[in-house]
Every structure is written in C-alpha cells, then in structure tokens.
C-alpha atoms as a PDB file:
ATOM      1  CA  UNK A   1      78.573 199.387 -54.529  1.00  0.00           C
ATOM      2  CA  UNK A   2      75.296 201.850 -54.686  1.00  0.00           C
ATOM      3  CA  UNK A   3      73.030 198.875 -55.827  1.00  0.00           C
ATOM      4  CA  UNK A   4      74.305 196.730 -52.663  1.00  0.00           C
ATOM      5  CA  UNK A   5      73.657 199.808 -50.277  1.00  0.00           C
ATOM      6  CA  UNK A   6      70.228 199.976 -51.598  1.00  0.00           C
ATOM      7  CA  UNK A   7      69.568 196.130 -51.451  1.00  0.00           C
ATOM      8  CA  UNK A   8      71.103 196.106 -48.023  1.00  0.00           C
ATOM      9  CA  UNK A   9      68.949 199.152 -46.654  1.00  0.00           C
ATOM     10  CA  UNK A  10      65.570 197.246 -48.151  1.00  0.00           C
ATOM     11  CA  UNK A  11      66.427 193.973 -46.744  1.00  0.00           C
ATOM     12  CA  UNK A  12      66.830 195.701 -43.213  1.00  0.00           C
ATOM     13  CA  UNK A  13      63.505 197.513 -43.792  1.00  0.00           C
ATOM     14  CA  UNK A  14      61.894 194.511 -44.234  1.00  0.00           C
ATOM     15  CA  UNK A  15      63.742 191.772 -42.144  1.00  0.00           C
ATOM     16  CA  UNK A  16      61.337 190.353 -39.679  1.00  0.00           C
ATOM     17  CA  UNK A  17      64.551 189.672 -37.578  1.00  0.00           C
ATOM     18  CA  UNK A  18      65.248 193.135 -37.013  1.00  0.00           C
ATOM     19  CA  UNK A  19      65.014 193.604 -32.721  1.00  0.00           C
ATOM     20  CA  UNK A  20      68.098 196.147 -33.002  1.00  0.00           C
ATOM     21  CA  UNK A  21      67.172 197.283 -29.669  1.00  0.00           C
ATOM     22  CA  UNK A  22      67.116 193.661 -28.109  1.00  0.00           C
ATOM     23  CA  UNK A  23      70.164 192.296 -29.604  1.00  0.00           C
ATOM     24  CA  UNK A  24      73.097 192.149 -27.064  1.00  0.00           C
ATOM     25  CA  UNK A  25      70.853 192.396 -23.922  1.00  0.00           C
ATOM     26  CA  UNK A  26      70.172 189.881 -21.528  1.00  0.00           C
ATOM     27  CA  UNK A  27      67.136 187.791 -22.068  1.00  0.00           C
ATOM     28  CA  UNK A  28      64.641 189.216 -19.065  1.00  0.00           C
ATOM     29  CA  UNK A  29      64.135 186.900 -15.806  1.00  0.00           C
ATOM     30  CA  UNK A  30      61.090 184.608 -16.748  1.00  0.00           C
ATOM     31  CA  UNK A  31      59.360 181.436 -14.369  1.00  0.00           C
ATOM     32  CA  UNK A  32      57.822 179.180 -16.504  1.00  0.00           C
ATOM     33  CA  UNK A  33      57.083 175.762 -15.848  1.00  0.00           C
ATOM     34  CA  UNK A  34      56.876 172.122 -17.460  1.00  0.00           C
ATOM     35  CA  UNK A  35      53.925 169.906 -18.148  1.00  0.00           C
ATOM     36  CA  UNK A  36      55.122 168.379 -14.817  1.00  0.00           C
ATOM     37  CA  UNK A  37      54.849 171.180 -12.643  1.00  0.00           C
ATOM     38  CA  UNK A  38      58.513 171.722 -12.700  1.00  0.00           C
ATOM     39  CA  UNK A  39      59.695 175.382 -12.082  1.00  0.00           C
ATOM     40  CA  UNK A  40      62.309 176.572 -14.572  1.00  0.00           C
ATOM     41  CA  UNK A  41      63.933 180.266 -14.075  1.00  0.00           C
ATOM     42  CA  UNK A  42      65.124 181.485 -17.793  1.00  0.00           C
ATOM     43  CA  UNK A  43      67.656 182.687 -18.348  1.00  0.00           C
ATOM     44  CA  UNK A  44      69.379 181.052 -15.465  1.00  0.00           C
ATOM     45  CA  UNK A  45      68.268 177.340 -16.143  1.00  0.00           C
ATOM     46  CA  UNK A  46      70.322 177.414 -19.484  1.00  0.00           C
ATOM     47  CA  UNK A  47      73.138 179.040 -18.949  1.00  0.00           C
ATOM     48  CA  UNK A  48      76.469 177.615 -19.862  1.00  0.00           C
ATOM     49  CA  UNK A  49      74.763 176.543 -24.006  1.00  0.00           C
ATOM     50  CA  UNK A  50      73.080 178.088 -26.766  1.00  0.00           C
ATOM     51  CA  UNK A  51      69.407 178.417 -26.579  1.00  0.00           C
ATOM     52  CA  UNK A  52      66.464 178.594 -29.078  1.00  0.00           C
ATOM     53  CA  UNK A  53      63.512 180.042 -27.156  1.00  0.00           C
ATOM     54  CA  UNK A  54      59.996 180.625 -28.640  1.00  0.00           C
ATOM     55  CA  UNK A  55      57.319 182.525 -27.080  1.00  0.00           C
ATOM     56  CA  UNK A  56      53.433 183.115 -28.068  1.00  0.00           C
ATOM     57  CA  UNK A  57      50.927 185.009 -26.172  1.00  0.00           C
ATOM     58  CA  UNK A  58      47.650 184.479 -28.396  1.00  0.00           C
ATOM     59  CA  UNK A  59      46.007 181.189 -29.542  1.00  0.00           C
ATOM     60  CA  UNK A  60      46.634 182.469 -33.275  1.00  0.00           C
ATOM     61  CA  UNK A  61      50.283 182.834 -32.421  1.00  0.00           C
ATOM     62  CA  UNK A  62      50.687 179.531 -30.661  1.00  0.00           C
ATOM     63  CA  UNK A  63      49.582 177.894 -33.925  1.00  0.00           C
ATOM     64  CA  UNK A  64      52.506 179.561 -35.661  1.00  0.00           C
ATOM     65  CA  UNK A  65      54.633 178.233 -33.097  1.00  0.00           C
ATOM     66  CA  UNK A  66      53.660 174.671 -33.822  1.00  0.00           C
ATOM     67  CA  UNK A  67      54.457 175.416 -37.382  1.00  0.00           C
ATOM     68  CA  UNK A  68      58.309 175.463 -35.940  1.00  0.00           C
ATOM     69  CA  UNK A  69      57.939 172.004 -33.700  1.00  0.00           C
ATOM     70  CA  UNK A  70      58.919 169.579 -36.173  1.00  0.00           C
ATOM     71  CA  UNK A  71      61.878 171.350 -37.901  1.00  0.00           C
ATOM     72  CA  UNK A  72      63.311 172.473 -34.667  1.00  0.00           C
ATOM     73  CA  UNK A  73      62.491 168.868 -33.244  1.00  0.00           C
ATOM     74  CA  UNK A  74      64.466 167.276 -36.452  1.00  0.00           C
ATOM     75  CA  UNK A  75      67.493 169.955 -36.413  1.00  0.00           C
ATOM     76  CA  UNK A  76      68.142 170.457 -32.715  1.00  0.00           C
ATOM     77  CA  UNK A  77      66.642 167.822 -30.677  1.00  0.00           C
ATOM     78  CA  UNK A  78      66.613 164.425 -32.358  1.00  0.00           C
ATOM     79  CA  UNK A  79      69.649 162.536 -31.924  1.00  0.00           C
ATOM     80  CA  UNK A  80      71.426 161.647 -35.125  1.00  0.00           C
ATOM     81  CA  UNK A  81      71.897 158.154 -35.854  1.00  0.00           C
ATOM     82  CA  UNK A  82      74.171 156.181 -37.945  1.00  0.00           C
ATOM     83  CA  UNK A  83      76.816 158.032 -40.393  1.00  0.00           C
ATOM     84  CA  UNK A  84      76.168 161.680 -39.046  1.00  0.00           C
ATOM     85  CA  UNK A  85      75.885 160.813 -35.201  1.00  0.00           C
ATOM     86  CA  UNK A  86      77.826 163.516 -33.205  1.00  0.00           C
ATOM     87  CA  UNK A  87      77.365 166.134 -36.155  1.00  0.00           C
ATOM     88  CA  UNK A  88      74.483 167.655 -33.907  1.00  0.00           C
ATOM     89  CA  UNK A  89      73.900 170.644 -32.209  1.00  0.00           C
ATOM     90  CA  UNK A  90      74.319 170.910 -28.732  1.00  0.00           C
ATOM     91  CA  UNK A  91      71.651 173.661 -27.865  1.00  0.00           C
ATOM     92  CA  UNK A  92      68.732 173.911 -25.462  1.00  0.00           C
ATOM     93  CA  UNK A  93      65.490 174.426 -26.983  1.00  0.00           C
ATOM     94  CA  UNK A  94      62.053 175.824 -25.373  1.00  0.00           C
ATOM     95  CA  UNK A  95      58.781 176.734 -26.786  1.00  0.00           C
ATOM     96  CA  UNK A  96      56.787 179.004 -24.242  1.00  0.00           C
ATOM     97  CA  UNK A  97      53.010 179.532 -24.644  1.00  0.00           C
ATOM     98  CA  UNK A  98      52.503 182.293 -22.311  1.00  0.00           C
ATOM     99  CA  UNK A  99      49.085 182.603 -20.426  1.00  0.00           C
ATOM    100  CA  UNK A 100      48.647 186.468 -19.380  1.00  0.00           C
ATOM    101  CA  UNK A 101      45.559 188.227 -17.853  1.00  0.00           C
ATOM    102  CA  UNK A 102      42.154 186.610 -17.639  1.00  0.00           C
ATOM    103  CA  UNK A 103      44.101 183.750 -20.093  1.00  0.00           C
ATOM    104  CA  UNK A 104      46.307 182.854 -17.242  1.00  0.00           C
ATOM    105  CA  UNK A 105      43.531 180.801 -15.568  1.00  0.00           C
ATOM    106  CA  UNK A 106      44.153 178.331 -18.582  1.00  0.00           C
ATOM    107  CA  UNK A 107      47.309 177.490 -18.004  1.00  0.00           C
ATOM    108  CA  UNK A 108      46.408 173.908 -16.346  1.00  0.00           C
ATOM    109  CA  UNK A 109      43.877 173.094 -18.966  1.00  0.00           C
ATOM    110  CA  UNK A 110      46.901 173.505 -21.638  1.00  0.00           C
ATOM    111  CA  UNK A 111      49.250 171.312 -19.904  1.00  0.00           C
ATOM    112  CA  UNK A 112      46.676 168.543 -19.697  1.00  0.00           C
ATOM    113  CA  UNK A 113      45.932 169.305 -23.115  1.00  0.00           C
ATOM    114  CA  UNK A 114      49.691 169.151 -24.383  1.00  0.00           C
ATOM    115  CA  UNK A 115      50.167 165.940 -22.266  1.00  0.00           C
ATOM    116  CA  UNK A 116      47.574 164.329 -24.128  1.00  0.00           C
ATOM    117  CA  UNK A 117      48.079 165.401 -27.687  1.00  0.00           C
ATOM    118  CA  UNK A 118      51.577 166.636 -28.235  1.00  0.00           C
ATOM    119  CA  UNK A 119      54.275 164.153 -29.032  1.00  0.00           C
ATOM    120  CA  UNK A 120      56.119 162.709 -25.834  1.00  0.00           C
ATOM    121  CA  UNK A 121      59.579 163.265 -27.184  1.00  0.00           C
ATOM    122  CA  UNK A 122      58.656 166.965 -27.710  1.00  0.00           C
ATOM    123  CA  UNK A 123      56.974 167.673 -24.196  1.00  0.00           C
ATOM    124  CA  UNK A 124      60.247 168.262 -22.439  1.00  0.00           C
ATOM    125  CA  UNK A 125      60.924 171.213 -24.510  1.00  0.00           C
ATOM    126  CA  UNK A 126      57.370 172.832 -23.969  1.00  0.00           C
ATOM    127  CA  UNK A 127      57.406 175.364 -20.871  1.00  0.00           C
ATOM    128  CA  UNK A 128      54.396 177.294 -19.521  1.00  0.00           C
ATOM    129  CA  UNK A 129      54.278 180.994 -18.341  1.00  0.00           C
ATOM    130  CA  UNK A 130      51.711 182.595 -16.451  1.00  0.00           C
ATOM    131  CA  UNK A 131      51.941 186.140 -15.486  1.00  0.00           C
ATOM    132  CA  UNK A 132      52.421 189.661 -16.663  1.00  0.00           C
ATOM    133  CA  UNK A 133      53.050 190.281 -20.402  1.00  0.00           C
ATOM    134  CA  UNK A 134      54.303 193.898 -20.478  1.00  0.00           C
ATOM    135  CA  UNK A 135      57.564 193.452 -18.885  1.00  0.00           C
ATOM    136  CA  UNK A 136      58.578 190.888 -21.615  1.00  0.00           C
ATOM    137  CA  UNK A 137      56.684 193.021 -24.148  1.00  0.00           C
ATOM    138  CA  UNK A 138      58.716 196.204 -23.097  1.00  0.00           C
ATOM    139  CA  UNK A 139      62.134 194.148 -22.670  1.00  0.00           C
ATOM    140  CA  UNK A 140      61.860 192.025 -26.085  1.00  0.00           C
ATOM    141  CA  UNK A 141      60.282 194.109 -28.377  1.00  0.00           C
ATOM    142  CA  UNK A 142      57.001 192.363 -29.361  1.00  0.00           C
ATOM    143  CA  UNK A 143      54.074 193.909 -29.929  1.00  0.00           C
ATOM    144  CA  UNK A 144      52.130 192.021 -32.527  1.00  0.00           C
ATOM    145  CA  UNK A 145      50.338 188.950 -30.389  1.00  0.00           C
ATOM    146  CA  UNK A 146      49.223 187.071 -33.645  1.00  0.00           C
ATOM    147  CA  UNK A 147      53.113 185.762 -34.148  1.00  0.00           C
ATOM    148  CA  UNK A 148      55.248 183.765 -32.131  1.00  0.00           C
ATOM    149  CA  UNK A 149      58.669 185.513 -31.493  1.00  0.00           C
ATOM    150  CA  UNK A 150      62.292 183.400 -31.124  1.00  0.00           C
ATOM    151  CA  UNK A 151      65.713 184.248 -29.454  1.00  0.00           C
ATOM    152  CA  UNK A 152      68.872 182.862 -29.569  1.00  0.00           C
ATOM    153  CA  UNK A 153      70.475 183.014 -26.687  1.00  0.00           C
ATOM    154  CA  UNK A 154      74.296 182.734 -25.995  1.00  0.00           C
ATOM    155  CA  UNK A 155      76.003 180.819 -22.998  1.00  0.00           C
ATOM    156  CA  UNK A 156      75.112 183.890 -20.898  1.00  0.00           C
ATOM    157  CA  UNK A 157      71.544 184.660 -21.284  1.00  0.00           C
ATOM    158  CA  UNK A 158      72.223 187.285 -24.028  1.00  0.00           C
ATOM    159  CA  UNK A 159      70.360 187.609 -26.933  1.00  0.00           C
ATOM    160  CA  UNK A 160      72.099 187.188 -29.910  1.00  0.00           C
ATOM    161  CA  UNK A 161      69.180 186.847 -32.713  1.00  0.00           C
ATOM    162  CA  UNK A 162      65.427 187.168 -32.958  1.00  0.00           C
ATOM    163  CA  UNK A 163      62.705 186.863 -35.615  1.00  0.00           C
ATOM    164  CA  UNK A 164      59.101 186.264 -35.383  1.00  0.00           C
ATOM    165  CA  UNK A 165      56.260 184.529 -37.596  1.00  0.00           C
ATOM    166  CA  UNK A 166      55.513 181.228 -39.051  1.00  0.00           C
ATOM    167  CA  UNK A 167      58.220 178.714 -39.818  1.00  0.00           C
ATOM    168  CA  UNK A 168      60.617 179.202 -42.645  1.00  0.00           C
ATOM    169  CA  UNK A 169      63.464 177.627 -44.236  1.00  0.00           C
ATOM    170  CA  UNK A 170      65.217 180.995 -44.343  1.00  0.00           C
ATOM    171  CA  UNK A 171      64.407 181.528 -40.466  1.00  0.00           C
ATOM    172  CA  UNK A 172      65.950 178.282 -39.628  1.00  0.00           C
ATOM    173  CA  UNK A 173      69.141 179.061 -41.983  1.00  0.00           C
ATOM    174  CA  UNK A 174      69.466 182.239 -39.945  1.00  0.00           C
ATOM    175  CA  UNK A 175      69.004 180.481 -36.394  1.00  0.00           C
ATOM    176  CA  UNK A 176      71.739 178.083 -37.653  1.00  0.00           C
ATOM    177  CA  UNK A 177      74.339 180.847 -38.999  1.00  0.00           C
ATOM    178  CA  UNK A 178      74.044 182.255 -34.934  1.00  0.00           C
ATOM    179  CA  UNK A 179      74.495 178.729 -33.819  1.00  0.00           C
ATOM    180  CA  UNK A 180      77.574 177.846 -35.664  1.00  0.00           C
END
C-alpha cells in the first residue's frame, strides 16, 4: 500500500498532464480562422461533440505540434475502411498555431504556407489565432512557450484532460481513455 502511494505521488509530480487547476473549467472563448479566413469561435463551434485541441505559440512549439498531425489524423480524422469501418471516434480536432504580439503580422504568411505545404486533408483541422496571449496563458496554465499544449473538451466545452509536449504513444493513450 505504501509503495503504491509513493508511485502515485511520483507520477503526479512528474506527469506532463498535470493541469489540475484547468480540469473541469470551460475552455476560454477564442476566435480563430481557417486557411480560407472563415471565423471559428471556440468552444462554441465545437459544442455537442468531444474535441481535441492542440495549441502552440512559438516556432519550436509549432514543430512539436506538427509531431501530432499524422497520429491524430490516423486515429481521429481518417475514415476507417473495410473491416473496422464504423469503429472510429466522433470527435472534433483542431490544431491552433497562435500568433501574438509582433508575430501576429505573420498570420497571413502562415496561412499561405499551410495551403502550400500541408496535406490538403489536414487543412480543415488547422485554425489560426491572432491576438493576445495573456488571457490564454492565465486561463490554461501554459507557461513554457517552446512546447504545444493539448486539451480534450467535453460536449459543453469543459476541459476534461490536458497534456503538453511532443507526441508520444502514452499521451495518445491518455487522450483515448478520456474520449472512451
């Protein structure tokens, strides 16, 4: 019993998914845009369905955010074919590069680059945020600018789970547990 308690405490101390103060809170309102400049208001636009959001607010964090593209696409977006058709997840997915401060001027350039360089199947799942960072840093408890942050929202926009950093199968397993 004592050994299990120590393990749990150590796990909690080093868990990248430890965002206790944000779990159970509503995701803050965020106005973002698609590559076609269509406005999407989160979490309002995703209500009624579970949602996985990935946010990045620096070039380095954007690179780590990209490490999630293929695994998330295969797990949650790509339609299953053949024997396993119908066994997929019914979940919204959005990757959100955040352009703030002087970088906000680069949003248009980033959209054009995405159209040119990103698989067209992924483009509908990328939103661009341009604006202030502080409200999101405060509300979502993200301080390290060089890593991406991921949030699983329930059907009402409430945060059920949060993690950060480069993709790993163990992080994906945790996301899946929450969605099941």
